[in-house]
C-alpha cells in the first residue's frame, strides 16, 4: 500500500463516517446519503484498484484511467453545482414570495 493510498483511504473512511453520522442525525436526505456513500465507496475502490479506471478508459475511448477519473470528477462537480444553484434559485423565489406576503399583510393593517 502506497502512501497516497493510505492517505486517501483514511480520508474516505472519515468522509464515510461523517456521511453515515449526518444521515443518522437526519441532516441529509436518503438520496443525498446514497449519492455520497456510493461516491466515497467508488473513490475508495479506485484508490486500491486503479486498474478499474483503466478498464473504464478502454470502454469509453479515453487514453488513461486518470483521464476518466478527471472527466467524471468534473462532471460530478458540475452536477453538484447545478443542484446547488437550482436550490438557491428556489430559495430566493420562496423568500421573495414570503416578503411579498408580509408586505401585503403590513399594508392591510395600516
PDB file of N, CA and C in Angstrom:
ATOM      1  N   UNK A   1       0.847  -1.174   0.000  1.00  0.00           N
ATOM      2  CA  UNK A   1       0.000   0.000   0.000  1.00  0.00           C
ATOM      3  C   UNK A   1       0.896   1.241   0.000  1.00  0.00           C
ATOM      4  N   UNK A   2       0.652   2.111  -0.980  1.00  0.00           N
ATOM      5  CA  UNK A   2       1.463   3.317  -1.075  1.00  0.00           C
ATOM      6  C   UNK A   2       0.948   4.383  -0.104  1.00  0.00           C
ATOM      7  N   UNK A   3       1.748   5.409   0.081  1.00  0.00           N
ATOM      8  CA  UNK A   3       1.378   6.484   0.989  1.00  0.00           C
ATOM      9  C   UNK A   3       0.093   7.181   0.541  1.00  0.00           C
ATOM     10  N   UNK A   4      -0.033   7.442  -0.753  1.00  0.00           N
ATOM     11  CA  UNK A   4      -1.231   8.125  -1.251  1.00  0.00           C
ATOM     12  C   UNK A   4      -2.473   7.262  -1.042  1.00  0.00           C
ATOM     13  N   UNK A   5      -2.345   5.953  -1.226  1.00  0.00           N
ATOM     14  CA  UNK A   5      -3.487   5.056  -0.978  1.00  0.00           C
ATOM     15  C   UNK A   5      -3.874   5.083   0.497  1.00  0.00           C
ATOM     16  N   UNK A   6      -2.889   5.103   1.350  1.00  0.00           N
ATOM     17  CA  UNK A   6      -3.146   5.156   2.785  1.00  0.00           C
ATOM     18  C   UNK A   6      -3.852   6.456   3.165  1.00  0.00           C
ATOM     19  N   UNK A   7      -3.372   7.577   2.632  1.00  0.00           N
ATOM     20  CA  UNK A   7      -3.987   8.875   2.918  1.00  0.00           C
ATOM     21  C   UNK A   7      -5.414   8.957   2.386  1.00  0.00           C
ATOM     22  N   UNK A   8      -5.606   8.521   1.144  1.00  0.00           N
ATOM     23  CA  UNK A   8      -6.948   8.537   0.555  1.00  0.00           C
ATOM     24  C   UNK A   8      -7.885   7.640   1.344  1.00  0.00           C
ATOM     25  N   UNK A   9      -7.431   6.457   1.701  1.00  0.00           N
ATOM     26  CA  UNK A   9      -8.264   5.533   2.468  1.00  0.00           C
ATOM     27  C   UNK A   9      -8.681   6.148   3.806  1.00  0.00           C
ATOM     28  N   UNK A  10      -7.722   6.774   4.495  1.00  0.00           N
ATOM     29  CA  UNK A  10      -8.034   7.409   5.775  1.00  0.00           C
ATOM     30  C   UNK A  10      -9.056   8.516   5.624  1.00  0.00           C
ATOM     31  N   UNK A  11      -8.867   9.377   4.629  1.00  0.00           N
ATOM     32  CA  UNK A  11      -9.814  10.463   4.396  1.00  0.00           C
ATOM     33  C   UNK A  11     -11.197   9.952   4.007  1.00  0.00           C
ATOM     34  N   UNK A  12     -11.224   8.975   3.120  1.00  0.00           N
ATOM     35  CA  UNK A  12     -12.514   8.443   2.666  1.00  0.00           C
ATOM     36  C   UNK A  12     -13.246   7.767   3.820  1.00  0.00           C
ATOM     37  N   UNK A  13     -12.534   7.061   4.661  1.00  0.00           N
ATOM     38  CA  UNK A  13     -13.183   6.438   5.827  1.00  0.00           C
ATOM     39  C   UNK A  13     -13.769   7.521   6.736  1.00  0.00           C
ATOM     40  N   UNK A  14     -13.045   8.621   6.930  1.00  0.00           N
ATOM     41  CA  UNK A  14     -13.591   9.739   7.714  1.00  0.00           C
ATOM     42  C   UNK A  14     -14.837  10.319   7.044  1.00  0.00           C
ATOM     43  N   UNK A  15     -14.792  10.486   5.715  1.00  0.00           N
ATOM     44  CA  UNK A  15     -15.938  11.009   4.983  1.00  0.00           C
ATOM     45  C   UNK A  15     -17.131  10.060   5.079  1.00  0.00           C
ATOM     46  N   UNK A  16     -16.860   8.762   5.004  1.00  0.00           N
ATOM     47  CA  UNK A  16     -17.942   7.777   5.140  1.00  0.00           C
ATOM     48  C   UNK A  16     -18.576   7.848   6.528  1.00  0.00           C
ATOM     49  N   UNK A  17     -17.741   7.947   7.554  1.00  0.00           N
ATOM     50  CA  UNK A  17     -18.254   8.048   8.926  1.00  0.00           C
ATOM     51  C   UNK A  17     -19.099   9.314   9.075  1.00  0.00           C
ATOM     52  N   UNK A  18     -18.619  10.428   8.541  1.00  0.00           N
ATOM     53  CA  UNK A  18     -19.361  11.690   8.611  1.00  0.00           C
ATOM     54  C   UNK A  18     -20.680  11.585   7.852  1.00  0.00           C
ATOM     55  N   UNK A  19     -20.660  10.951   6.705  1.00  0.00           N
ATOM     56  CA  UNK A  19     -21.876  10.795   5.904  1.00  0.00           C
ATOM     57  C   UNK A  19     -22.906   9.969   6.654  1.00  0.00           C
ATOM     58  N   UNK A  20     -22.479   8.847   7.217  1.00  0.00           N
ATOM     59  CA  UNK A  20     -23.390   7.995   7.983  1.00  0.00           C
ATOM     60  C   UNK A  20     -23.904   8.742   9.211  1.00  0.00           C
ATOM     61  N   UNK A  21     -23.037   9.453   9.888  1.00  0.00           N
ATOM     62  CA  UNK A  21     -23.432  10.224  11.067  1.00  0.00           C
ATOM     63  C   UNK A  21     -24.477  11.283  10.715  1.00  0.00           C
ATOM     64  N   UNK A  22     -24.240  12.018   9.637  1.00  0.00           N
ATOM     65  CA  UNK A  22     -25.199  13.040   9.209  1.00  0.00           C
ATOM     66  C   UNK A  22     -26.543  12.423   8.844  1.00  0.00           C
ATOM     67  N   UNK A  23     -26.507  11.256   8.220  1.00  0.00           N
ATOM     68  CA  UNK A  23     -27.754  10.587   7.857  1.00  0.00           C
ATOM     69  C   UNK A  23     -28.513  10.142   9.108  1.00  0.00           C
ATOM     70  N   UNK A  24     -27.804   9.578  10.057  1.00  0.00           N
ATOM     71  CA  UNK A  24     -28.449   9.137  11.300  1.00  0.00           C
ATOM     72  C   UNK A  24     -29.043  10.314  12.066  1.00  0.00           C
ATOM     73  N   UNK A  25     -28.380  11.465  12.006  1.00  0.00           N
ATOM     74  CA  UNK A  25     -28.876  12.665  12.692  1.00  0.00           C
ATOM     75  C   UNK A  25     -29.889  13.430  11.849  1.00  0.00           C
ATOM     76  N   UNK A  26     -30.250  12.844  10.686  1.00  0.00           N
ATOM     77  CA  UNK A  26     -31.217  13.428   9.761  1.00  0.00           C
ATOM     78  C   UNK A  26     -30.800  14.801   9.236  1.00  0.00           C
ATOM     79  N   UNK A  27     -29.511  14.979   9.053  1.00  0.00           N
ATOM     80  CA  UNK A  27     -29.002  16.220   8.472  1.00  0.00           C
ATOM     81  C   UNK A  27     -28.993  16.164   6.954  1.00  0.00           C
ATOM     82  N   UNK A  28     -29.011  14.935   6.409  1.00  0.00           N
ATOM     83  CA  UNK A  28     -29.077  14.763   4.953  1.00  0.00           C
ATOM     84  C   UNK A  28     -30.186  13.779   4.628  1.00  0.00           C
ATOM     85  N   UNK A  29     -30.721  13.911   3.427  1.00  0.00           N
ATOM     86  CA  UNK A  29     -31.814  13.043   2.984  1.00  0.00           C
ATOM     87  C   UNK A  29     -31.268  11.670   2.571  1.00  0.00           C
ATOM     88  N   UNK A  30     -32.179  10.755   2.367  1.00  0.00           N
ATOM     89  CA  UNK A  30     -31.786   9.401   1.933  1.00  0.00           C
ATOM     90  C   UNK A  30     -31.077   9.435   0.584  1.00  0.00           C
ATOM     91  N   UNK A  31     -31.609  10.240  -0.341  1.00  0.00           N
ATOM     92  CA  UNK A  31     -30.996  10.295  -1.673  1.00  0.00           C
ATOM     93  C   UNK A  31     -29.587  10.902  -1.605  1.00  0.00           C
ATOM     94  N   UNK A  32     -29.411  11.957  -0.800  1.00  0.00           N
ATOM     95  CA  UNK A  32     -28.068  12.523  -0.638  1.00  0.00           C
ATOM     96  C   UNK A  32     -27.133  11.535   0.045  1.00  0.00           C
ATOM     97  N   UNK A  33     -27.658  10.838   1.037  1.00  0.00           N
ATOM     98  CA  UNK A  33     -26.840   9.822   1.708  1.00  0.00           C
ATOM     99  C   UNK A  33     -26.354   8.773   0.723  1.00  0.00           C
ATOM    100  N   UNK A  34     -27.262   8.239  -0.077  1.00  0.00           N
ATOM    101  CA  UNK A  34     -26.878   7.204  -1.047  1.00  0.00           C
ATOM    102  C   UNK A  34     -25.863   7.741  -2.057  1.00  0.00           C
ATOM    103  N   UNK A  35     -26.105   8.955  -2.540  1.00  0.00           N
ATOM    104  CA  UNK A  35     -25.185   9.550  -3.509  1.00  0.00           C
ATOM    105  C   UNK A  35     -23.773   9.634  -2.929  1.00  0.00           C
ATOM    106  N   UNK A  36     -23.654  10.261  -1.746  1.00  0.00           N
ATOM    107  CA  UNK A  36     -22.331  10.453  -1.152  1.00  0.00           C
ATOM    108  C   UNK A  36     -21.715   9.143  -0.699  1.00  0.00           C
ATOM    109  N   UNK A  37     -22.503   8.248  -0.138  1.00  0.00           N
ATOM    110  CA  UNK A  37     -21.976   6.975   0.332  1.00  0.00           C
ATOM    111  C   UNK A  37     -21.357   6.198  -0.828  1.00  0.00           C
ATOM    112  N   UNK A  38     -22.082   6.109  -1.940  1.00  0.00           N
ATOM    113  CA  UNK A  38     -21.558   5.357  -3.076  1.00  0.00           C
ATOM    114  C   UNK A  38     -20.416   6.097  -3.771  1.00  0.00           C
ATOM    115  N   UNK A  39     -20.446   7.406  -3.789  1.00  0.00           N
ATOM    116  CA  UNK A  39     -19.336   8.153  -4.362  1.00  0.00           C
ATOM    117  C   UNK A  39     -18.054   7.895  -3.574  1.00  0.00           C
ATOM    118  N   UNK A  40     -18.140   7.949  -2.237  1.00  0.00           N
ATOM    119  CA  UNK A  40     -16.958   7.676  -1.408  1.00  0.00           C
ATOM    120  C   UNK A  40     -16.475   6.241  -1.611  1.00  0.00           C
ATOM    121  N   UNK A  41     -17.405   5.304  -1.718  1.00  0.00           N
ATOM    122  CA  UNK A  41     -17.004   3.913  -1.956  1.00  0.00           C
ATOM    123  C   UNK A  41     -16.296   3.752  -3.298  1.00  0.00           C
ATOM    124  N   UNK A  42     -16.809   4.396  -4.323  1.00  0.00           N
ATOM    125  CA  UNK A  42     -16.183   4.312  -5.653  1.00  0.00           C
ATOM    126  C   UNK A  42     -14.771   4.886  -5.605  1.00  0.00           C
ATOM    127  N   UNK A  43     -14.617   6.013  -4.931  1.00  0.00           N
ATOM    128  CA  UNK A  43     -13.285   6.619  -4.813  1.00  0.00           C
ATOM    129  C   UNK A  43     -12.347   5.690  -4.043  1.00  0.00           C
ATOM    130  N   UNK A  44     -12.855   5.083  -2.980  1.00  0.00           N
ATOM    131  CA  UNK A  44     -12.043   4.157  -2.191  1.00  0.00           C
ATOM    132  C   UNK A  44     -11.615   2.948  -3.031  1.00  0.00           C
ATOM    133  N   UNK A  45     -12.535   2.408  -3.791  1.00  0.00           N
ATOM    134  CA  UNK A  45     -12.226   1.253  -4.644  1.00  0.00           C
ATOM    135  C   UNK A  45     -11.177   1.617  -5.689  1.00  0.00           C
ATOM    136  N   UNK A  46     -11.360   2.771  -6.337  1.00  0.00           N
ATOM    137  CA  UNK A  46     -10.391   3.148  -7.373  1.00  0.00           C
ATOM    138  C   UNK A  46      -9.026   3.495  -6.789  1.00  0.00           C
ATOM    139  N   UNK A  47      -8.983   3.897  -5.516  1.00  0.00           N
ATOM    140  CA  UNK A  47      -7.686   4.159  -4.879  1.00  0.00           C
ATOM    141  C   UNK A  47      -6.900   2.864  -4.701  1.00  0.00           C
ATOM    142  N   UNK A  48      -7.619   1.769  -4.410  1.00  0.00           N
ATOM    143  CA  UNK A  48      -6.943   0.494  -4.180  1.00  0.00           C
ATOM    144  C   UNK A  48      -6.835  -0.356  -5.437  1.00  0.00           C
ATOM    145  N   UNK A  49      -7.744  -0.152  -6.369  1.00  0.00           N
ATOM    146  CA  UNK A  49      -7.708  -0.911  -7.620  1.00  0.00           C
ATOM    147  C   UNK A  49      -7.741   0.076  -8.787  1.00  0.00           C
ATOM    148  N   UNK A  50      -6.642   0.767  -9.052  1.00  0.00           N
ATOM    149  CA  UNK A  50      -6.632   1.785 -10.106  1.00  0.00           C
ATOM    150  C   UNK A  50      -6.862   1.211 -11.509  1.00  0.00           C
ATOM    151  N   UNK A  51      -6.723  -0.098 -11.655  1.00  0.00           N
ATOM    152  CA  UNK A  51      -6.962  -0.718 -12.956  1.00  0.00           C
ATOM    153  C   UNK A  51      -8.426  -0.568 -13.393  1.00  0.00           C
ATOM    154  N   UNK A  52      -9.305  -0.329 -12.431  1.00  0.00           N
ATOM    155  CA  UNK A  52     -10.724  -0.119 -12.752  1.00  0.00           C
ATOM    156  C   UNK A  52     -10.868   1.079 -13.678  1.00  0.00           C
ATOM    157  N   UNK A  53     -10.142   2.158 -13.381  1.00  0.00           N
ATOM    158  CA  UNK A  53     -10.238   3.339 -14.239  1.00  0.00           C
ATOM    159  C   UNK A  53      -9.630   3.083 -15.611  1.00  0.00           C
ATOM    160  N   UNK A  54      -8.591   2.252 -15.675  1.00  0.00           N
ATOM    161  CA  UNK A  54      -8.014   1.899 -16.976  1.00  0.00           C
ATOM    162  C   UNK A  54      -9.014   1.100 -17.801  1.00  0.00           C
ATOM    163  N   UNK A  55      -9.739   0.206 -17.157  1.00  0.00           N
ATOM    164  CA  UNK A  55     -10.771  -0.578 -17.843  1.00  0.00           C
ATOM    165  C   UNK A  55     -11.865   0.350 -18.381  1.00  0.00           C
ATOM    166  N   UNK A  56     -12.301   1.295 -17.542  1.00  0.00           N
ATOM    167  CA  UNK A  56     -13.314   2.253 -17.983  1.00  0.00           C
ATOM    168  C   UNK A  56     -12.795   3.124 -19.125  1.00  0.00           C
ATOM    169  N   UNK A  57     -11.520   3.476 -19.067  1.00  0.00           N
ATOM    170  CA  UNK A  57     -10.911   4.280 -20.132  1.00  0.00           C
ATOM    171  C   UNK A  57     -10.986   3.543 -21.466  1.00  0.00           C
ATOM    172  N   UNK A  58     -10.700   2.262 -21.453  1.00  0.00           N
ATOM    173  CA  UNK A  58     -10.781   1.465 -22.679  1.00  0.00           C
ATOM    174  C   UNK A  58     -12.207   1.412 -23.201  1.00  0.00           C
ATOM    175  N   UNK A  59     -13.174   1.299 -22.288  1.00  0.00           N
ATOM    176  CA  UNK A  59     -14.585   1.225 -22.692  1.00  0.00           C
ATOM    177  C   UNK A  59     -15.068   2.497 -23.375  1.00  0.00           C
ATOM    178  N   UNK A  60     -14.660   3.636 -22.858  1.00  0.00           N
ATOM    179  CA  UNK A  60     -15.176   4.893 -23.411  1.00  0.00           C
ATOM    180  C   UNK A  60     -14.212   5.568 -24.386  1.00  0.00           C
ATOM    181  N   UNK A  61     -13.057   4.985 -24.595  1.00  0.00           N
ATOM    182  CA  UNK A  61     -12.126   5.505 -25.588  1.00  0.00           C
ATOM    183  C   UNK A  61     -11.172   6.575 -25.079  1.00  0.00           C
ATOM    184  N   UNK A  62     -11.010   6.683 -23.791  1.00  0.00           N
ATOM    185  CA  UNK A  62     -10.040   7.640 -23.239  1.00  0.00           C
ATOM    186  C   UNK A  62      -8.660   6.996 -23.259  1.00  0.00           C
ATOM    187  N   UNK A  63      -7.645   7.815 -23.135  1.00  0.00           N
ATOM    188  CA  UNK A  63      -6.270   7.304 -23.192  1.00  0.00           C
ATOM    189  C   UNK A  63      -5.851   6.623 -21.890  1.00  0.00           C
ATOM    190  N   UNK A  64      -6.161   7.271 -20.750  1.00  0.00           N
ATOM    191  CA  UNK A  64      -5.703   6.744 -19.463  1.00  0.00           C
ATOM    192  C   UNK A  64      -6.841   6.724 -18.455  1.00  0.00           C
ATOM    193  N   UNK A  65      -6.669   5.908 -17.451  1.00  0.00           N
ATOM    194  CA  UNK A  65      -7.649   5.835 -16.378  1.00  0.00           C
ATOM    195  C   UNK A  65      -7.737   7.123 -15.589  1.00  0.00           C
ATOM    196  N   UNK A  66      -6.618   7.813 -15.483  1.00  0.00           N
ATOM    197  CA  UNK A  66      -6.603   9.099 -14.783  1.00  0.00           C
ATOM    198  C   UNK A  66      -7.492  10.111 -15.500  1.00  0.00           C
ATOM    199  N   UNK A  67      -7.481  10.060 -16.830  1.00  0.00           N
ATOM    200  CA  UNK A  67      -8.348  10.956 -17.601  1.00  0.00           C
ATOM    201  C   UNK A  67      -9.816  10.688 -17.279  1.00  0.00           C
ATOM    202  N   UNK A  68     -10.188   9.423 -17.210  1.00  0.00           N
ATOM    203  CA  UNK A  68     -11.569   9.060 -16.899  1.00  0.00           C
ATOM    204  C   UNK A  68     -11.957   9.573 -15.521  1.00  0.00           C
ATOM    205  N   UNK A  69     -11.094   9.376 -14.557  1.00  0.00           N
ATOM    206  CA  UNK A  69     -11.375   9.855 -13.199  1.00  0.00           C
ATOM    207  C   UNK A  69     -11.535  11.371 -13.193  1.00  0.00           C
ATOM    208  N   UNK A  70     -10.698  12.066 -13.940  1.00  0.00           N
ATOM    209  CA  UNK A  70     -10.792  13.525 -14.013  1.00  0.00           C
ATOM    210  C   UNK A  70     -12.092  13.955 -14.680  1.00  0.00           C
ATOM    211  N   UNK A  71     -12.460  13.306 -15.801  1.00  0.00           N
ATOM    212  CA  UNK A  71     -13.693  13.655 -16.503  1.00  0.00           C
ATOM    213  C   UNK A  71     -14.906  13.453 -15.599  1.00  0.00           C
ATOM    214  N   UNK A  72     -14.959  12.302 -14.945  1.00  0.00           N
ATOM    215  CA  UNK A  72     -16.098  12.027 -14.077  1.00  0.00           C
ATOM    216  C   UNK A  72     -16.131  12.960 -12.873  1.00  0.00           C
ATOM    217  N   UNK A  73     -14.969  13.293 -12.356  1.00  0.00           N
ATOM    218  CA  UNK A  73     -14.914  14.236 -11.230  1.00  0.00           C
ATOM    219  C   UNK A  73     -15.467  15.594 -11.628  1.00  0.00           C
ATOM    220  N   UNK A  74     -15.074  16.059 -12.788  1.00  0.00           N
ATOM    221  CA  UNK A  74     -15.567  17.353 -13.265  1.00  0.00           C
ATOM    222  C   UNK A  74     -17.077  17.292 -13.498  1.00  0.00           C
ATOM    223  N   UNK A  75     -17.556  16.203 -14.085  1.00  0.00           N
ATOM    224  CA  UNK A  75     -18.998  16.057 -14.294  1.00  0.00           C
ATOM    225  C   UNK A  75     -19.760  16.061 -12.971  1.00  0.00           C
ATOM    226  N   UNK A  76     -19.242  15.359 -11.990  1.00  0.00           N
ATOM    227  CA  UNK A  76     -19.895  15.318 -10.682  1.00  0.00           C
ATOM    228  C   UNK A  76     -19.892  16.703 -10.046  1.00  0.00           C
ATOM    229  N   UNK A  77     -18.785  17.412 -10.149  1.00  0.00           N
ATOM    230  CA  UNK A  77     -18.709  18.769  -9.593  1.00  0.00           C
ATOM    231  C   UNK A  77     -19.734  19.679 -10.268  1.00  0.00           C
ATOM    232  N   UNK A  78     -19.841  19.608 -11.600  1.00  0.00           N
ATOM    233  CA  UNK A  78     -20.830  20.425 -12.299  1.00  0.00           C
ATOM    234  C   UNK A  78     -22.256  20.028 -11.926  1.00  0.00           C
ATOM    235  N   UNK A  79     -22.509  18.759 -11.746  1.00  0.00           N
ATOM    236  CA  UNK A  79     -23.839  18.305 -11.336  1.00  0.00           C
ATOM    237  C   UNK A  79     -24.189  18.865  -9.959  1.00  0.00           C
ATOM    238  N   UNK A  80     -23.249  18.778  -9.029  1.00  0.00           N
ATOM    239  CA  UNK A  80     -23.484  19.304  -7.680  1.00  0.00           C
ATOM    240  C   UNK A  80     -23.674  20.823  -7.737  1.00  0.00           C
ATOM    241  N   UNK A  81     -22.869  21.506  -8.521  1.00  0.00           N
ATOM    242  CA  UNK A  81     -23.013  22.949  -8.675  1.00  0.00           C
ATOM    243  C   UNK A  81     -24.386  23.302  -9.241  1.00  0.00           C
ATOM    244  N   UNK A  82     -24.842  22.554 -10.221  1.00  0.00           N
ATOM    245  CA  UNK A  82     -26.168  22.778 -10.799  1.00  0.00           C
ATOM    246  C   UNK A  82     -27.255  22.605  -9.744  1.00  0.00           C
ATOM    247  N   UNK A  83     -27.149  21.547  -8.948  1.00  0.00           N
ATOM    248  CA  UNK A  83     -28.143  21.320  -7.895  1.00  0.00           C
ATOM    249  C   UNK A  83     -28.132  22.448  -6.871  1.00  0.00           C
ATOM    250  N   UNK A  84     -26.953  22.904  -6.490  1.00  0.00           N
ATOM    251  CA  UNK A  84     -26.844  23.993  -5.516  1.00  0.00           C
ATOM    252  C   UNK A  84     -27.461  25.271  -6.079  1.00  0.00           C
ATOM    253  N   UNK A  85     -27.129  25.608  -7.317  1.00  0.00           N
ATOM    254  CA  UNK A  85     -27.671  26.825  -7.919  1.00  0.00           C
ATOM    255  C   UNK A  85     -29.188  26.736  -8.102  1.00  0.00           C
ATOM    256  N   UNK A  86     -29.678  25.573  -8.471  1.00  0.00           N
ATOM    257  CA  UNK A  86     -31.128  25.384  -8.605  1.00  0.00           C
ATOM    258  C   UNK A  86     -31.816  25.563  -7.262  1.00  0.00           C
ATOM    259  N   UNK A  87     -31.246  24.988  -6.231  1.00  0.00           N
ATOM    260  CA  UNK A  87     -31.822  25.123  -4.891  1.00  0.00           C
ATOM    261  C   UNK A  87     -31.761  26.568  -4.408  1.00  0.00           C
ATOM    262  N   UNK A  88     -30.662  27.260  -4.669  1.00  0.00           N
ATOM    263  CA  UNK A  88     -30.552  28.669  -4.296  1.00  0.00           C
ATOM    264  C   UNK A  88     -31.609  29.512  -5.007  1.00  0.00           C
ATOM    265  N   UNK A  89     -31.832  29.230  -6.265  1.00  0.00           N
ATOM    266  CA  UNK A  89     -32.855  29.964  -7.022  1.00  0.00           C
ATOM    267  C   UNK A  89     -34.241  29.724  -6.427  1.00  0.00           C
ATOM    268  N   UNK A  90     -34.530  28.477  -6.092  1.00  0.00           N
ATOM    269  CA  UNK A  90     -35.825  28.151  -5.483  1.00  0.00           C
ATOM    270  C   UNK A  90     -35.976  28.844  -4.128  1.00  0.00           C
ATOM    271  N   UNK A  91     -34.932  28.845  -3.329  1.00  0.00           N
ATOM    272  CA  UNK A  91     -34.966  29.522  -2.021  1.00  0.00           C
ATOM    273  C   UNK A  91     -35.168  31.023  -2.214  1.00  0.00           C
ATOM    274  N   UNK A  92     -34.489  31.592  -3.186  1.00  0.00           N
ATOM    275  CA  UNK A  92     -34.643  33.013  -3.480  1.00  0.00           C
ATOM    276  C   UNK A  92     -36.092  33.331  -3.851  1.00  0.00           C
ATOM    277  N   UNK A  93     -36.702  32.500  -4.669  1.00  0.00           N
ATOM    278  CA  UNK A  93     -38.099  32.698  -5.051  1.00  0.00           C
ATOM    279  C   UNK A  93     -39.028  32.577  -3.845  1.00  0.00           C
ATOM    280  N   UNK A  94     -38.756  31.614  -2.981  1.00  0.00           N
ATOM    281  CA  UNK A  94     -39.581  31.442  -1.785  1.00  0.00           C
ATOM    282  C   UNK A  94     -39.444  32.635  -0.846  1.00  0.00           C
ATOM    283  N   UNK A  95     -38.231  33.130  -0.677  1.00  0.00           N
ATOM    284  CA  UNK A  95     -38.014  34.306   0.181  1.00  0.00           C
ATOM    285  C   UNK A  95     -38.747  35.513  -0.399  1.00  0.00           C
ATOM    286  N   UNK A  96     -38.657  35.692  -1.701  1.00  0.00           N
ATOM    287  CA  UNK A  96     -39.357  36.799  -2.353  1.00  0.00           C
ATOM    288  C   UNK A  96     -40.859  36.703  -2.111  1.00  0.00           C
ATOM    289  N   UNK A  97     -41.408  35.517  -2.240  1.00  0.00           N
ATOM    290  CA  UNK A  97     -42.844  35.317  -2.006  1.00  0.00           C
ATOM    291  C   UNK A  97     -43.210  35.601  -0.548  1.00  0.00           C
ATOM    292  N   UNK A  98     -42.405  35.162   0.377  1.00  0.00           N
ATOM    293  CA  UNK A  98     -42.663  35.412   1.801  1.00  0.00           C
ATOM    294  C   UNK A  98     -42.618  36.906   2.097  1.00  0.00           C
ATOM    295  N   UNK A  99     -41.624  37.600   1.569  1.00  0.00           N
ATOM    296  CA  UNK A  99     -41.503  39.045   1.783  1.00  0.00           C
ATOM    297  C   UNK A  99     -42.719  39.764   1.202  1.00  0.00           C
ATOM    298  N   UNK A 100     -43.171  39.349   0.035  1.00  0.00           N
ATOM    299  CA  UNK A 100     -44.372  39.953  -0.558  1.00  0.00           C
ATOM    300  C   UNK A 100     -45.585  39.765   0.343  1.00  0.00           C
ATOM    301  N   UNK A 101     -45.762  38.562   0.835  1.00  0.00           N
ATOM    302  CA  UNK A 101     -46.914  38.296   1.711  1.00  0.00           C
ATOM    303  C   UNK A 101     -46.849  39.144   2.974  1.00  0.00           C
ATOM    304  N   UNK A 102     -45.667  39.230   3.575  1.00  0.00           N
ATOM    305  CA  UNK A 102     -45.507  40.038   4.792  1.00  0.00           C
ATOM    306  C   UNK A 102     -45.802  41.498   4.483  1.00  0.00           C
ATOM    307  N   UNK A 103     -45.302  41.995   3.349  1.00  0.00           N
ATOM    308  CA  UNK A 103     -45.529  43.382   2.957  1.00  0.00           C
ATOM    309  C   UNK A 103     -47.014  43.655   2.765  1.00  0.00           C
ATOM    310  N   UNK A 104     -47.716  42.745   2.087  1.00  0.00           N
ATOM    311  CA  UNK A 104     -49.150  42.927   1.872  1.00  0.00           C
ATOM    312  C   UNK A 104     -49.918  42.895   3.183  1.00  0.00           C
ATOM    313  N   UNK A 105     -49.529  42.027   4.096  1.00  0.00           N
ATOM    314  CA  UNK A 105     -50.194  41.962   5.393  1.00  0.00           C
ATOM    315  C   UNK A 105     -49.978  43.240   6.187  1.00  0.00           C
ATOM    316  N   UNK A 106     -48.767  43.791   6.127  1.00  0.00           N
ATOM    317  CA  UNK A 106     -48.479  45.037   6.841  1.00  0.00           C
ATOM    318  C   UNK A 106     -49.242  46.206   6.213  1.00  0.00           C
ATOM    319  N   UNK A 107     -49.395  46.212   4.903  1.00  0.00           N
ATOM    320  CA  UNK A 107     -50.156  47.271   4.240  1.00  0.00           C
ATOM    321  C   UNK A 107     -51.632  47.190   4.594  1.00  0.00           C
ATOM    322  N   UNK A 108     -52.154  45.971   4.725  1.00  0.00           N
ATOM    323  CA  UNK A 108     -53.558  45.785   5.083  1.00  0.00           C
ATOM    324  C   UNK A 108     -53.828  46.258   6.493  1.00  0.00           C
ATOM    325  N   UNK A 109     -52.853  46.158   7.388  1.00  0.00           N
ATOM    326  CA  UNK A 109     -53.012  46.576   8.770  1.00  0.00           C
ATOM    327  C   UNK A 109     -53.067  48.104   8.896  1.00  0.00           C
ATOM    328  N   UNK A 110     -52.460  48.804   7.957  1.00  0.00           N
ATOM    329  CA  UNK A 110     -52.393  50.271   8.017  1.00  0.00           C
ATOM    330  C   UNK A 110     -53.664  50.823   7.543  1.00  0.00           C
TER     331      UNK A 110
END
